[in-house]
Structures are given as structure tokens and as C-alpha cells.
C-alpha atoms as a PDB file:
ATOM      1  CA  MET A   1     107.481  77.359 110.041  1.00  0.00           C
ATOM      2  CA  ARG A   2     107.923  80.079 112.534  1.00  0.00           C
ATOM      3  CA  TYR A   3     108.148  82.770 109.547  1.00  0.00           C
ATOM      4  CA  PHE A   4     105.214  81.102 107.968  1.00  0.00           C
ATOM      5  CA  LEU A   5     103.072  81.785 111.136  1.00  0.00           C
ATOM      6  CA  ILE A   6     104.466  85.506 111.474  1.00  0.00           C
ATOM      7  CA  LEU A   7     103.488  86.197 107.841  1.00  0.00           C
ATOM      8  CA  CYS A   8     100.128  84.684 108.488  1.00  0.00           C
ATOM      9  CA  SER A   9      99.566  86.739 111.562  1.00  0.00           C
ATOM     10  CA  LEU A  10     100.605  90.128 109.706  1.00  0.00           C
ATOM     11  CA  ILE A  11      98.393  89.200 106.771  1.00  0.00           C
ATOM     12  CA  LEU A  12      95.334  88.644 109.274  1.00  0.00           C
ATOM     13  CA  CYS A  13      96.017  91.895 111.029  1.00  0.00           C
ATOM     14  CA  TRP A  14      96.139  93.980 107.812  1.00  0.00           C
ATOM     15  CA  THR A  15      93.235  92.432 106.035  1.00  0.00           C
ATOM     16  CA  PRO A  16      90.448  94.245 108.102  1.00  0.00           C
ATOM     17  CA  ALA A  17      91.983  97.724 107.370  1.00  0.00           C
ATOM     18  CA  LEU A  18      92.446  97.119 103.787  1.00  0.00           C
ATOM     19  CA  ALA A  19      88.964  95.735 103.399  1.00  0.00           C
ATOM     20  CA  GLN A  20      87.148  98.550 104.967  1.00  0.00           C
ATOM     21  CA  THR A  21      88.909 101.197 102.513  1.00  0.00           C
ATOM     22  CA  ASP A  22      87.858  98.799  99.999  1.00  0.00           C
ATOM     23  CA  LEU A  23      84.168  98.723 100.803  1.00  0.00           C
ATOM     24  CA  LEU A  24      83.632 102.463 100.576  1.00  0.00           C
ATOM     25  CA  GLN A  25      82.550 102.845  96.686  1.00  0.00           C
ATOM     26  CA  LEU A  26      81.962 105.603  94.554  1.00  0.00           C
ATOM     27  CA  GLN A  27      78.778 104.716  92.540  1.00  0.00           C
ATOM     28  CA  GLN A  28      78.378 107.711  90.228  1.00  0.00           C
ATOM     29  CA  GLY A  29      79.319 111.366  90.335  1.00  0.00           C
ATOM     30  CA  GLU A  30      79.890 114.576  88.360  1.00  0.00           C
ATOM     31  CA  ILE A  31      81.547 118.062  88.977  1.00  0.00           C
ATOM     32  CA  ARG A  32      79.532 120.849  86.990  1.00  0.00           C
ATOM     33  CA  VAL A  33      81.674 123.226  85.215  1.00  0.00           C
ATOM     34  CA  PRO A  34      81.054 126.783  86.739  1.00  0.00           C
ATOM     35  CA  MET A  35      78.962 129.261  84.913  1.00  0.00           C
ATOM     36  CA  PRO A  36      80.794 131.864  83.088  1.00  0.00           C
ATOM     37  CA  GLY A  37      82.521 134.521  85.330  1.00  0.00           C
ATOM     38  CA  ARG A  38      82.215 132.241  88.655  1.00  0.00           C
ATOM     39  CA  ASP A  39      84.859 130.593  90.538  1.00  0.00           C
ATOM     40  CA  VAL A  40      82.763 128.327  92.459  1.00  0.00           C
ATOM     41  CA  THR A  41      80.702 124.983  91.635  1.00  0.00           C
ATOM     42  CA  ALA A  42      79.405 121.864  93.133  1.00  0.00           C
ATOM     43  CA  GLY A  43      80.211 118.197  93.142  1.00  0.00           C
ATOM     44  CA  TYR A  44      77.526 115.473  93.407  1.00  0.00           C
ATOM     45  CA  PHE A  45      78.141 111.711  93.635  1.00  0.00           C
ATOM     46  CA  THR A  46      76.820 108.351  95.449  1.00  0.00           C
ATOM     47  CA  LEU A  47      78.645 106.772  98.152  1.00  0.00           C
ATOM     48  CA  HIS A  48      78.192 103.272  99.565  1.00  0.00           C
ATOM     49  CA  ASN A  49      79.752 102.110 102.703  1.00  0.00           C
ATOM     50  CA  GLY A  50      79.788  98.271 102.376  1.00  0.00           C
ATOM     51  CA  SER A  51      81.407  97.917 105.691  1.00  0.00           C
ATOM     52  CA  ALA A  52      80.228  96.782 109.118  1.00  0.00           C
ATOM     53  CA  ALA A  53      81.072 100.212 110.678  1.00  0.00           C
ATOM     54  CA  ALA A  54      79.900 103.845 110.099  1.00  0.00           C
ATOM     55  CA  VAL A  55      82.563 106.186 108.761  1.00  0.00           C
ATOM     56  CA  GLU A  56      82.834 109.844 108.927  1.00  0.00           C
ATOM     57  CA  LEU A  57      83.626 112.030 105.795  1.00  0.00           C
ATOM     58  CA  VAL A  58      85.667 114.973 107.175  1.00  0.00           C
ATOM     59  CA  ALA A  59      86.982 116.758 104.159  1.00  0.00           C
ATOM     60  CA  ALA A  60      87.699 116.395 100.639  1.00  0.00           C
ATOM     61  CA  SER A  61      90.616 118.079  98.370  1.00  0.00           C
ATOM     62  CA  SER A  62      91.635 118.080  94.684  1.00  0.00           C
ATOM     63  CA  PRO A  63      94.706 119.683  92.956  1.00  0.00           C
ATOM     64  CA  ALA A  64      92.177 121.272  90.409  1.00  0.00           C
ATOM     65  CA  PHE A  65      90.709 123.288  93.264  1.00  0.00           C
ATOM     66  CA  LYS A  66      91.879 125.665  95.693  1.00  0.00           C
ATOM     67  CA  ARG A  67      89.689 124.396  98.385  1.00  0.00           C
ATOM     68  CA  ILE A  68      86.677 122.144  98.800  1.00  0.00           C
ATOM     69  CA  GLU A  69      84.125 122.073 101.535  1.00  0.00           C
ATOM     70  CA  LEU A  70      81.445 119.672 102.559  1.00  0.00           C
ATOM     71  CA  HIS A  71      77.904 121.481 102.291  1.00  0.00           C
ATOM     72  CA  GLN A  72      74.396 120.694 103.222  1.00  0.00           C
ATOM     73  CA  HIS A  73      71.081 122.267 102.253  1.00  0.00           C
ATOM     74  CA  VAL A  74      68.710 123.052 105.280  1.00  0.00           C
ATOM     75  CA  THR A  75      65.555 125.181 105.816  1.00  0.00           C
ATOM     76  CA  HIS A  76      65.736 127.833 108.355  1.00  0.00           C
ATOM     77  CA  GLU A  77      63.099 130.195 108.930  1.00  0.00           C
ATOM     78  CA  GLY A  78      61.231 128.808 105.800  1.00  0.00           C
ATOM     79  CA  MET A  79      64.139 129.447 103.471  1.00  0.00           C
ATOM     80  CA  MET A  80      66.595 127.120 101.776  1.00  0.00           C
ATOM     81  CA  ARG A  81      70.154 127.647 102.818  1.00  0.00           C
ATOM     82  CA  MET A  82      73.492 125.934 102.151  1.00  0.00           C
ATOM     83  CA  VAL A  83      75.745 125.511 105.285  1.00  0.00           C
ATOM     84  CA  GLU A  84      79.060 124.290 105.380  1.00  0.00           C
ATOM     85  CA  VAL A  85      79.366 120.921 107.734  1.00  0.00           C
ATOM     86  CA  ALA A  86      82.441 119.646 109.583  1.00  0.00           C
ATOM     87  CA  ALA A  87      81.560 115.924 108.925  1.00  0.00           C
ATOM     88  CA  ILE A  88      79.160 113.617 107.045  1.00  0.00           C
ATOM     89  CA  GLU A  89      78.361 110.309 108.458  1.00  0.00           C
ATOM     90  CA  VAL A  90      77.691 107.291 106.403  1.00  0.00           C
ATOM     91  CA  ASP A  91      76.395 104.406 108.313  1.00  0.00           C
ATOM     92  CA  ALA A  92      77.514 100.791 107.885  1.00  0.00           C
ATOM     93  CA  GLY A  93      75.820  99.227 104.859  1.00  0.00           C
ATOM     94  CA  ALA A  94      74.446 102.632 103.880  1.00  0.00           C
ATOM     95  CA  THR A  95      74.375 104.434 100.547  1.00  0.00           C
ATOM     96  CA  LEU A  96      74.532 108.340 100.779  1.00  0.00           C
ATOM     97  CA  VAL A  97      73.539 110.328  97.909  1.00  0.00           C
ATOM     98  CA  PHE A  98      75.105 113.933  97.377  1.00  0.00           C
ATOM     99  CA  GLN A  99      72.772 115.895  95.215  1.00  0.00           C
ATOM    100  CA  PRO A 100      71.429 119.124  94.304  1.00  0.00           C
ATOM    101  CA  GLY A 101      69.301 120.332  97.222  1.00  0.00           C
ATOM    102  CA  GLY A 102      71.136 118.248  99.624  1.00  0.00           C
ATOM    103  CA  LEU A 103      74.633 117.268 100.635  1.00  0.00           C
ATOM    104  CA  HIS A 104      77.419 118.163  98.169  1.00  0.00           C
ATOM    105  CA  LEU A 105      80.885 119.297  97.905  1.00  0.00           C
ATOM    106  CA  MET A 106      81.347 123.000  97.074  1.00  0.00           C
ATOM    107  CA  LEU A 107      84.631 123.538  95.147  1.00  0.00           C
ATOM    108  CA  PHE A 108      86.380 126.994  94.981  1.00  0.00           C
ATOM    109  CA  GLU A 109      88.789 128.526  92.853  1.00  0.00           C
ATOM    110  CA  PRO A 110      89.676 126.273  89.837  1.00  0.00           C
ATOM    111  CA  GLN A 111      93.512 125.836  89.437  1.00  0.00           C
ATOM    112  CA  GLN A 112      92.920 124.926  85.883  1.00  0.00           C
ATOM    113  CA  GLN A 113      90.791 125.396  82.889  1.00  0.00           C
ATOM    114  CA  LEU A 114      87.518 123.303  83.367  1.00  0.00           C
ATOM    115  CA  VAL A 115      86.027 121.599  80.436  1.00  0.00           C
ATOM    116  CA  ALA A 116      83.017 119.291  80.247  1.00  0.00           C
ATOM    117  CA  GLY A 117      83.981 115.832  79.487  1.00  0.00           C
ATOM    118  CA  ASP A 118      87.380 116.089  81.421  1.00  0.00           C
ATOM    119  CA  GLU A 119      87.795 114.315  84.849  1.00  0.00           C
ATOM    120  CA  ILE A 120      88.790 115.564  88.115  1.00  0.00           C
ATOM    121  CA  SER A 121      90.700 113.670  90.896  1.00  0.00           C
ATOM    122  CA  VAL A 122      89.392 114.310  94.348  1.00  0.00           C
ATOM    123  CA  MET A 123      90.610 112.709  97.725  1.00  0.00           C
ATOM    124  CA  LEU A 124      88.084 112.004 100.459  1.00  0.00           C
ATOM    125  CA  ASP A 125      89.387 112.041 103.903  1.00  0.00           C
ATOM    126  CA  PHE A 126      87.678 110.212 106.849  1.00  0.00           C
ATOM    127  CA  ALA A 127      87.804 110.582 110.597  1.00  0.00           C
ATOM    128  CA  ASP A 128      89.773 107.326 110.955  1.00  0.00           C
ATOM    129  CA  GLY A 129      92.444 108.494 108.744  1.00  0.00           C
ATOM    130  CA  LYS A 130      91.569 106.544 105.691  1.00  0.00           C
ATOM    131  CA  GLN A 131      91.246 108.191 102.410  1.00  0.00           C
ATOM    132  CA  LEU A 132      89.438 107.240  99.034  1.00  0.00           C
ATOM    133  CA  ALA A 133      90.673 108.513  95.953  1.00  0.00           C
ATOM    134  CA  ILE A 134      87.767 109.203  93.369  1.00  0.00           C
ATOM    135  CA  THR A 135      87.571 110.748  89.831  1.00  0.00           C
ATOM    136  CA  LEU A 136      84.597 112.716  88.836  1.00  0.00           C
ATOM    137  CA  PRO A 137      83.817 113.739  85.130  1.00  0.00           C
ATOM    138  CA  LEU A 138      83.004 117.349  84.508  1.00  0.00           C
ATOM    139  CA  THR A 139      79.535 117.953  83.198  1.00  0.00           C
ATOM    140  CA  ALA A 140      78.092 121.149  81.857  1.00  0.00           C
ATOM    141  CA  MET A 141      75.520 123.158  84.007  1.00  0.00           C
ATOM    142  CA  PRO A 142      72.084 122.324  83.541  1.00  0.00           C
ATOM    143  CA  ARG A 143      70.083 124.877  81.573  1.00  0.00           C
ATOM    144  CA  ARG A 144      67.069 125.932  83.593  1.00  0.00           C
END
């Protein structure tokens, strides 16, 4: 009986931590294949935080790219600019859209050949030490 109570206590202690990670969900996304001659591209996705607490995305990484930065478009003196941000907060219960002209991942120096239709693994790192592994399809750059 004593071992049963200890086991139940351990399960109850671990369950909230496991559940919070499970409540972060990728709903859709893509990484665009860089334009010919370029070694930088962008990644977009929709992230839902189904937990009761806000989370803070602080980094992203992938073996397919040398580095990834968190970026946001801002208007400065009437001009739209991209800026790197240190963190992006996702409120409890909120859905955050990473999209052209807004929040996005900037992916630098591909470490492999990138072909539309392939998939890229990306690890999202949060301020609380949790991680979310996502897989994003490579898509062709849209024609303008």
C-alpha cells in the first residue's frame, strides 16, 4: 500500500508538467525554400497555447540550418522593418500566428539541400526550459 501511495504521488507531481508541454500545439506551418543564390529564408506557423499559463518562446534551432532567429516586422518612421526579438510571449489559451509581415522565424545558412515537399525538424525552446519539437514542410517561394 505504501508503494502504491508513493507511485500515485509521483504521477500527480509529474502530470502537470507533462500536460503543459502537450498543450502547446502546432496547427500549421511552412518553411520557404530560399530564393536562388540566397542563404536565408523564413518559417511561418500557428502555435496554440492550450495551457492555463502564458509561455515565452526564447529560441529555435534545427540541424538543417546554422542558426535561427525570432523576428518581427515593426514600423519605424513610416518604414516597415524586420527586427530580431529576444522572446515572444504566447498568452494562456491564445493562438499566435507567425506569418509574412509579422512574427516569423529567420533561418540562416542551410546545412543541407532544401527541396520543396521535404520536411524540416525544428525545436522550439521556451523560457521555462520546456521544448516543443515541430516538423514543417518546405514550400516554394510564392511568385509575386
